[in-house]
Protein backbone atom coordinates (compact mmCIF):
# COMPACT_ATOMS: atom_id res chain seq x y z
CA MET A 1 79.57 38.28 22.10
CA LYS A 2 82.04 39.31 19.78
CA LEU A 3 84.53 42.31 19.76
CA VAL A 4 86.35 43.85 16.95
CA VAL A 5 89.22 46.12 17.08
CA LEU A 6 89.06 48.83 14.25
CA ILE A 7 92.71 50.53 13.42
CA PRO A 8 92.64 52.72 10.97
CA ALA A 9 96.18 53.52 9.60
CA PHE A 10 97.93 55.71 7.11
CA ASN A 11 101.87 54.97 6.88
CA GLU A 12 102.35 53.39 10.32
CA GLN A 13 104.67 51.22 9.44
CA LYS A 14 106.84 51.65 13.12
CA THR A 15 103.84 51.34 15.27
CA ILE A 16 101.25 49.12 13.89
CA ALA A 17 102.39 45.68 14.77
CA PRO A 18 103.06 46.19 18.49
CA VAL A 19 99.70 47.88 18.50
CA ILE A 20 98.34 44.55 17.50
CA ARG A 21 100.32 42.42 19.07
CA THR A 22 99.41 44.20 22.18
CA ILE A 23 95.61 43.81 22.00
CA PRO A 24 94.17 41.28 25.06
CA LYS A 25 93.32 38.00 23.34
CA LYS A 26 90.44 37.55 26.23
CA ILE A 27 88.10 39.68 27.67
CA ARG A 28 85.50 38.59 30.50
CA GLY A 29 82.20 38.12 28.55
CA ILE A 30 83.82 38.47 25.05
CA LYS A 31 83.80 35.22 23.21
CA LYS A 32 85.99 36.15 20.15
CA ILE A 33 88.37 38.99 19.43
CA GLU A 34 89.49 40.14 15.79
CA VAL A 35 91.26 42.59 14.60
CA LEU A 36 90.66 44.78 11.50
CA VAL A 37 93.23 47.03 10.19
CA VAL A 38 92.29 49.74 7.38
CA ASP A 39 94.63 50.91 5.55
CA ASP A 40 94.24 54.34 3.89
CA GLY A 41 96.52 54.33 0.94
CA SER A 42 99.54 53.80 3.02
CA THR A 43 102.88 53.91 1.06
CA ASP A 44 105.13 52.22 3.54
CA ASN A 45 105.22 49.07 5.15
CA THR A 46 102.30 49.53 6.90
CA VAL A 47 100.13 46.71 5.29
CA LYS A 48 103.04 44.27 5.47
CA ASN A 49 103.69 44.58 8.94
CA ALA A 50 100.02 44.37 9.91
CA LYS A 51 100.05 41.04 8.24
CA SER A 52 102.78 40.09 10.30
CA ALA A 53 101.03 40.53 13.49
CA LYS A 54 98.24 38.60 12.58
CA ALA A 55 95.62 41.08 11.83
CA ASN A 56 92.47 39.28 11.13
CA LYS A 57 91.39 41.48 8.05
CA ILE A 58 92.95 44.43 6.34
CA VAL A 59 90.52 46.72 4.04
CA SER A 60 92.86 49.21 1.72
CA HIS A 61 91.50 51.69 0.00
CA GLY A 62 94.39 52.26 -2.34
CA ILE A 63 94.53 56.44 -1.67
CA ASN A 64 94.29 58.63 0.93
CA ARG A 65 90.91 59.17 1.31
CA GLY A 66 91.29 60.71 4.98
CA LEU A 67 90.34 59.57 8.74
CA GLY A 68 86.82 60.06 8.59
CA VAL A 69 86.35 57.99 5.29
CA ALA A 70 88.40 55.47 6.78
CA PHE A 71 86.77 54.98 9.82
CA ARG A 72 82.91 54.81 8.09
CA THR A 73 84.93 51.87 5.90
CA GLY A 74 86.12 50.30 8.98
CA ILE A 75 82.59 50.19 10.83
CA GLU A 76 81.13 48.63 7.78
CA HIS A 77 83.52 45.98 7.29
CA ALA A 78 83.17 45.27 11.62
CA LEU A 79 79.86 44.90 11.08
CA GLN A 80 80.31 42.68 7.84
CA MET A 81 82.19 40.65 10.39
CA GLN A 82 79.45 40.64 12.53
CA ALA A 83 80.97 42.68 15.81
CA ASP A 84 78.58 43.20 18.44
CA ILE A 85 81.34 45.57 19.97
CA ILE A 86 83.84 47.44 17.70
CA VAL A 87 86.84 49.64 19.44
CA ASN A 88 88.39 51.92 17.47
CA ILE A 89 92.15 52.55 18.15
CA ASP A 90 94.69 54.66 16.52
CA ALA A 91 97.61 52.63 14.94
CA ASP A 92 99.95 55.46 16.41
CA GLY A 93 101.11 53.72 19.62
CA GLN A 94 99.44 56.94 21.43
CA PHE A 95 97.02 54.43 23.11
CA ASN A 96 97.44 51.26 25.62
CA SER A 97 95.82 48.44 23.96
CA GLN A 98 95.51 46.81 27.17
CA ASP A 99 93.29 49.82 28.32
CA ILE A 100 90.62 48.13 25.66
CA PRO A 101 88.88 45.91 28.03
CA LYS A 102 88.18 49.49 30.35
CA ILE A 103 86.71 50.90 27.06
CA ALA A 104 84.63 48.02 26.11
CA ASN A 105 83.27 47.02 29.68
CA PRO A 106 80.28 49.96 30.01
CA VAL A 107 78.99 48.84 26.61
CA LEU A 108 79.71 45.11 27.36
CA GLU A 109 77.39 45.49 30.50
CA GLY A 110 74.66 47.59 29.29
CA GLU A 111 75.74 50.99 30.77
CA ALA A 112 76.46 52.34 27.79
CA ASP A 113 76.00 52.30 23.56
CA PHE A 114 79.25 54.73 23.19
CA VAL A 115 82.10 54.90 25.06
CA THR A 116 84.91 57.43 24.86
CA CYS A 117 88.14 57.63 26.31
CA SER A 118 89.03 60.57 28.13
CA ARG A 119 92.74 61.74 28.65
CA PHE A 120 91.37 64.94 31.03
CA LYS A 121 88.46 63.31 33.23
CA ASP A 122 91.32 62.35 35.85
CA LYS A 123 93.70 65.12 35.94
CA GLY A 124 96.06 62.71 37.37
CA LEU A 125 96.55 60.59 33.92
CA SER A 126 96.48 64.01 31.93
CA PRO A 127 98.97 63.68 29.59
CA GLU A 128 101.33 66.62 28.59
CA MET A 129 100.48 68.52 25.61
CA PRO A 130 101.74 71.59 24.08
CA TRP A 131 99.49 74.31 25.21
CA ILE A 132 97.92 75.45 21.73
CA LYS A 133 96.87 71.58 21.50
CA LYS A 134 95.63 71.32 25.12
CA THR A 135 93.64 74.85 24.46
CA GLY A 136 92.19 73.63 20.77
CA ASN A 137 90.85 70.88 22.87
CA LYS A 138 89.34 72.62 25.64
CA ILE A 139 87.43 75.06 23.07
CA PHE A 140 86.11 71.95 20.98
CA THR A 141 84.81 70.35 23.81
CA LYS A 142 83.20 73.11 24.89
CA ILE A 143 81.68 73.73 21.97
CA ILE A 144 80.60 69.57 21.19
CA SER A 145 79.56 69.76 24.80
CA PHE A 146 77.02 72.81 24.29
CA LEU A 147 75.63 71.41 21.47
CA ALA A 148 75.06 68.29 22.52
CA LYS A 149 73.83 69.23 25.81
CA GLN A 150 76.07 66.95 27.92
CA LYS A 151 79.27 67.94 29.80
CA PHE A 152 82.34 66.19 28.19
CA THR A 153 85.91 66.53 28.82
CA ASP A 154 87.91 64.99 25.58
CA THR A 155 85.73 65.08 22.26
CA GLN A 156 88.93 64.62 20.15
CA CYS A 157 89.98 61.42 21.60
CA GLY A 158 89.80 58.43 18.77
CA PHE A 159 89.90 55.69 21.20
CA ARG A 160 86.28 54.24 21.45
CA ALA A 161 83.75 51.53 21.85
CA TYR A 162 80.83 51.21 20.20
CA SER A 163 77.90 48.71 20.66
CA ARG A 164 76.60 47.05 17.51
CA GLU A 165 73.53 49.26 17.74
CA THR A 166 75.46 52.38 17.58
CA ALA A 167 77.24 51.46 14.74
CA LEU A 168 74.00 50.46 12.90
CA ARG A 169 72.74 54.06 13.71
CA LEU A 170 75.62 56.03 13.12
CA ASN A 171 75.58 58.80 10.00
CA LEU A 172 78.51 60.50 9.73
CA PHE A 173 80.17 62.61 6.52
CA GLY A 174 83.36 64.13 7.48
CA LYS A 175 86.48 63.19 5.55
CA HIS A 176 89.09 64.68 7.26
CA THR A 177 88.16 63.74 11.22
CA TYR A 178 84.54 61.52 12.87
CA THR A 179 85.06 62.24 16.40
CA GLN A 180 83.10 65.41 17.26
CA GLU A 181 80.68 64.67 14.15
CA ALA A 182 80.02 61.17 15.81
CA LEU A 183 79.50 62.58 19.45
CA LEU A 184 76.79 65.00 18.06
CA ASP A 185 75.32 62.28 16.15
CA ALA A 186 74.89 60.01 18.89
CA GLY A 187 73.73 62.30 21.43
CA GLU A 188 71.37 63.77 19.07
CA LYS A 189 69.63 60.02 18.35
CA GLY A 190 69.27 59.72 22.43
CA LEU A 191 72.21 57.18 22.51
CA ARG A 192 73.81 56.85 25.78
CA ILE A 193 77.31 58.35 25.90
CA LYS A 194 79.90 57.48 28.41
CA GLU A 195 83.60 58.78 29.34
CA VAL A 196 86.43 56.66 30.78
CA ALA A 197 89.75 58.13 31.76
CA CYS A 198 92.81 56.44 30.21
CA ARG A 199 96.60 57.01 30.53
CA VAL A 200 97.64 57.92 26.91
CA LYS A 201 100.86 59.31 25.55
CA GLY A 202 100.37 63.28 24.71
CA GLN A 203 102.65 63.67 21.93
CA ARG A 204 103.40 60.99 19.39
CA LYS A 205 106.89 59.75 17.75
CA GLY A 206 107.04 61.21 14.53
CA LYS A 207 104.82 63.76 12.57
CA SER A 208 100.78 63.25 12.93
CA ARG A 209 99.21 62.00 9.69
CA VAL A 210 95.76 63.32 10.90
CA VAL A 211 97.25 67.22 12.05
CA SER A 212 99.75 68.36 9.81
CA SER A 213 98.70 71.60 11.09
CA TRP A 214 96.54 72.71 14.15
CA PHE A 215 95.70 75.41 12.20
CA VAL A 216 94.14 73.91 9.27
CA TYR A 217 93.06 70.83 11.66
CA SER A 218 90.71 73.38 13.33
CA VAL A 219 89.26 74.69 10.60
CA LYS A 220 88.34 71.62 9.16
CA ALA A 221 86.89 70.08 12.18
CA LEU A 222 85.44 73.44 12.68
CA ALA A 223 83.79 73.20 9.17
CA ILE A 224 82.49 69.57 9.95
CA ILE A 225 80.96 70.83 13.14
CA ILE A 226 79.14 73.60 11.59
CA ARG A 227 78.10 71.38 8.89
CA THR A 228 76.61 68.59 11.32
CA ILE A 229 74.48 71.79 12.97
CA ARG A 230 73.28 72.92 9.61
CA ASP A 231 71.98 69.42 8.99
CA ARG A 232 70.60 68.48 12.29
CA LYS A 233 69.30 71.65 13.65
CA PRO A 234 68.51 73.59 10.64
CA LEU A 235 65.80 75.50 12.36
CA ALA A 236 68.07 77.01 15.30
CA PHE A 237 71.21 77.57 12.39
CA PHE A 238 69.12 79.22 9.64
CA GLY A 239 66.59 80.95 12.25
CA GLY A 240 69.78 82.14 14.29
CA ILE A 241 71.24 83.66 11.59
CA GLY A 242 68.07 85.11 9.99
CA TYR A 243 66.92 86.60 13.54
CA TRP A 244 70.35 88.44 14.10
CA PHE A 245 70.16 89.72 10.41
CA PHE A 246 66.27 91.00 10.95
CA SER A 247 66.71 92.13 14.64
CA THR A 248 69.78 94.27 13.44
CA GLY A 249 68.09 95.66 10.11
CA PHE A 250 64.95 96.46 12.30
CA GLY A 251 67.14 97.88 15.31
CA ILE A 252 68.90 100.42 12.85
CA ALA A 253 65.30 101.45 11.09
CA PHE A 254 64.20 101.97 14.41
CA ALA A 255 67.07 104.53 15.62
CA LEU A 256 66.54 106.36 12.35
CA TRP A 257 62.83 106.73 12.90
CA ILE A 258 63.86 107.94 16.66
CA ARG A 259 66.16 110.65 14.86
CA LEU A 260 63.38 111.45 12.47
CA LEU A 261 61.10 112.47 14.95
CA LEU A 262 63.85 114.26 17.05
CA ILE A 263 65.14 116.27 14.33
CA HIS A 264 63.25 115.47 11.22
CA LYS A 265 66.17 114.25 9.12
CA ILE A 266 68.29 111.32 8.32
CA ASP A 267 71.10 112.64 6.76
CA PRO A 268 73.87 111.85 6.67
CA TYR A 269 73.01 108.45 7.52
CA MET A 270 70.83 107.51 4.40
CA TRP A 271 72.93 104.50 3.27
CA LEU A 272 71.60 102.81 7.06
CA VAL A 273 68.08 103.31 5.30
CA TYR A 274 69.32 100.38 2.63
CA ALA A 275 71.42 98.52 5.04
CA SER A 276 68.36 98.09 7.63
CA ILE A 277 66.23 97.39 4.69
CA MET A 278 68.36 94.99 3.11
CA GLY A 279 68.90 93.22 7.05
CA MET A 280 65.45 92.86 7.30
CA VAL A 281 64.74 91.09 4.13
CA LEU A 282 67.79 88.95 4.07
CA GLY A 283 66.77 87.95 7.71
CA PHE A 284 62.94 87.31 6.86
CA LEU A 285 64.18 84.94 3.86
CA LEU A 286 66.67 83.09 6.14
CA MET A 287 63.83 82.41 8.76
CA ILE A 288 61.49 81.04 5.87
CA LEU A 289 64.48 78.89 4.98
CA ALA A 290 64.85 77.70 8.54
CA LEU A 291 61.19 76.76 8.49
CA ILE A 292 61.85 75.09 5.09
CA ALA A 293 65.09 73.20 6.01
CA ASP A 294 63.40 72.04 9.21
CA MET A 295 60.65 70.07 7.05
CA ASN A 296 63.59 68.36 5.27
CA ALA A 297 65.49 67.55 8.62
CA ARG A 298 61.89 65.74 9.67
CA GLN A 299 62.46 63.96 6.31
CA ARG A 300 66.21 63.19 7.07
CA LYS A 301 65.12 61.50 9.84
CA ILE A 302 62.55 59.55 8.14
CA THR A 303 65.78 58.23 5.45
CA GLU A 304 67.97 57.61 8.55
CA GLU A 305 65.31 55.58 10.18
CA THR A 306 65.00 53.72 6.77
CA LEU A 307 68.61 53.00 6.07
CA TYR A 308 69.08 52.00 9.85
CA ARG A 309 66.78 49.23 8.88
CA VAL A 310 68.54 48.46 6.08
CA LYS A 311 71.54 47.97 7.54
CA LYS A 312 70.05 45.89 9.96
CA ALA A 313 68.64 43.85 7.63
CA GLU A 314 71.88 43.43 5.53
CA PHE A 315 74.39 43.03 8.86
CA LYS A 316 71.78 40.71 10.23
CA LYS A 317 73.65 38.16 12.85
């Protein structure tokens, strides 16, 4: 078994070397451990320090393209390196590299296809965080848990382990981040997901490269989630919106009809007649769109299965 430790990095010159140097050299059940750094357009000494720390492979984007893109690049190159297990860890030192065996073990033992670190599963290990960060995490975790139909305690953590099969099957599109989208994608494909509690630092030193503003991060992450729902559950997405518009329009029309029966007039609510008609028409069109999108979603699944077979052949061990 070969394990590749994937480290996406952007301007992490102070922490990248310690993260690499503390990665375990031996793990029971693993024959070979290699370190892959994806430099997402760093303008400091991140690459130089990664080389000095003896990273096995460094891939550079040249420009900053976003964490989500860096992660996808890393997965592709880890597969090229013939990884059986891929462990993703941040370059900022928030996570303890010595916990890599703990994260990788459920995949190694065949208990899970996808393992994610949880900062909140064990309350005794919960880190200190600003209340806004912790509240935002809880909200996103509840949303992802509901959509994935599986209870999670932490869906924003980037310290994760993926089996080779999971890496081949993941299809992600987000540029800003990948954490929520990966869980939804893996959950829809029936992959076994497990959380493992680890102690991590609640706050990193210096300014976050990903979260410049929690409001901006939340908006971008929410946009990724909405697009993922749109693409993977189009019948529920468009059909739900369409049903709301149609039922609202129908409810208004029914109320006006009752009013007409009782007092024989609609004035001064004539504008509601037009609103109800527009609501029902829009709702009906959205429900038709939902059916068409659902047919396209079936084609997407066929395309993804084809892509999986192509990648499996391309990265054949």
